[in-house]
Every structure is written in C-alpha cells, then in structure tokens.
C-alpha cells in the first residue's frame, strides 16, 4: 500500500538546527522515498512498510546524536508527490 506522510523534526537545545534536520531528510532520501522538503516540514511518499521503517531508522539515528521531537501525519488517501 502506498502512503504519504508529512513529517517535522524539531531538534531541541541546539544552536544549529539545520544539520540535524538535513541529516534526517537525507536518511529518508537514501531509502528511495520521494521527499519534498518545505520550510516547516517534509512530505514523503512510498510503499507503506518502507515509509514506516525509514521514519523509525531516521528518528533513531537523529535521537542517538540529538534530543529531538518528531511529528508525523500519515495517510493512504493522499496522491503521491512528484
């Protein structure tokens, strides 16, 4: 099943917010997911099992280095991003 997710990663207690967010997004892209980054969130789409596993892996990787909050909205009813 194809899904689409809108995700936001919020690094806490960091002077540089860009680096953890970029690493998180790059981790998602490395799993061949379609990723469209915006100012406050990224939209990803792909096969459901890959999206969920990729979010878990990317979160765990970020959480090993930084204190973070991850929010996600996931739908199977949204069109795929291009």
Protein backbone atom coordinates (compact mmCIF):
# COMPACT_ATOMS: atom_id res chain seq x y z
CA UNK A 1 0.00 0.00 0.00
CA UNK A 2 1.28 3.47 -0.92
CA UNK A 3 1.25 6.14 1.79
CA UNK A 4 2.19 9.76 2.13
CA UNK A 5 3.50 11.35 5.35
CA UNK A 6 4.07 14.91 6.41
CA UNK A 7 6.89 14.92 8.96
CA UNK A 8 8.66 17.54 11.02
CA UNK A 9 11.80 17.02 13.08
CA UNK A 10 12.43 19.52 15.88
CA UNK A 11 15.94 19.45 17.37
CA UNK A 12 15.99 20.62 21.00
CA UNK A 13 18.73 22.53 22.82
CA UNK A 14 20.79 23.02 19.62
CA UNK A 15 22.42 26.19 18.32
CA UNK A 16 22.39 24.82 14.77
CA UNK A 17 19.02 23.38 13.79
CA UNK A 18 19.90 22.84 10.14
CA UNK A 19 22.37 19.98 10.50
CA UNK A 20 20.11 17.51 12.37
CA UNK A 21 17.20 18.24 10.03
CA UNK A 22 19.34 17.82 6.90
CA UNK A 23 20.70 14.52 8.20
CA UNK A 24 17.16 13.32 8.92
CA UNK A 25 15.93 14.23 5.41
CA UNK A 26 18.99 12.67 3.74
CA UNK A 27 18.35 9.47 5.67
CA UNK A 28 14.82 9.35 4.25
CA UNK A 29 16.05 10.04 0.71
CA UNK A 30 18.59 7.22 0.93
CA UNK A 31 15.70 4.72 1.10
CA UNK A 32 14.40 5.70 -2.36
CA UNK A 33 11.42 7.55 -0.94
CA UNK A 34 10.02 10.57 -2.71
CA UNK A 35 10.81 13.54 -0.47
CA UNK A 36 9.66 17.14 -0.87
CA UNK A 37 11.10 19.46 1.77
CA UNK A 38 9.38 22.65 2.85
CA UNK A 39 10.18 25.35 5.39
CA UNK A 40 8.50 23.62 8.34
CA UNK A 41 8.02 20.01 7.22
CA UNK A 42 8.80 17.43 4.60
CA UNK A 43 6.35 15.29 2.66
CA UNK A 44 7.44 11.74 1.86
CA UNK A 45 5.70 9.06 -0.12
CA UNK A 46 6.30 5.46 -0.98
CA UNK A 47 5.42 1.92 -0.01
CA UNK A 48 3.95 1.93 3.50
CA UNK A 49 6.34 -0.57 5.04
CA UNK A 50 9.34 1.36 3.70
CA UNK A 51 7.97 4.71 4.90
CA UNK A 52 7.37 3.41 8.42
CA UNK A 53 10.74 1.64 8.65
CA UNK A 54 12.55 4.66 7.21
CA UNK A 55 10.91 7.00 9.73
CA UNK A 56 11.92 4.70 12.56
CA UNK A 57 15.52 4.41 11.32
CA UNK A 58 15.88 8.15 10.67
CA UNK A 59 14.42 9.02 14.07
CA UNK A 60 16.66 6.57 15.90
CA UNK A 61 19.72 7.90 14.06
CA UNK A 62 18.83 11.50 14.95
CA UNK A 63 17.97 10.60 18.55
CA UNK A 64 21.38 8.99 19.06
CA UNK A 65 23.06 12.36 18.38
CA UNK A 66 20.46 14.95 19.41
CA UNK A 67 17.41 15.49 21.57
CA UNK A 68 14.55 15.66 19.06
CA UNK A 69 10.81 15.67 18.61
CA UNK A 70 9.30 14.03 15.51
CA UNK A 71 5.75 14.69 14.38
CA UNK A 72 4.14 12.73 11.55
CA UNK A 73 0.79 12.65 9.79
CA UNK A 74 0.37 9.59 7.57
CA UNK A 75 -2.35 8.93 5.01
CA UNK A 76 -3.19 6.28 2.45
CA UNK A 77 -5.65 8.66 0.75
CA UNK A 78 -3.31 11.41 -0.48
CA UNK A 79 -1.92 11.50 -4.01
CA UNK A 80 1.72 10.62 -4.49
CA UNK A 81 4.13 13.55 -4.67
CA UNK A 82 6.13 14.07 -7.81
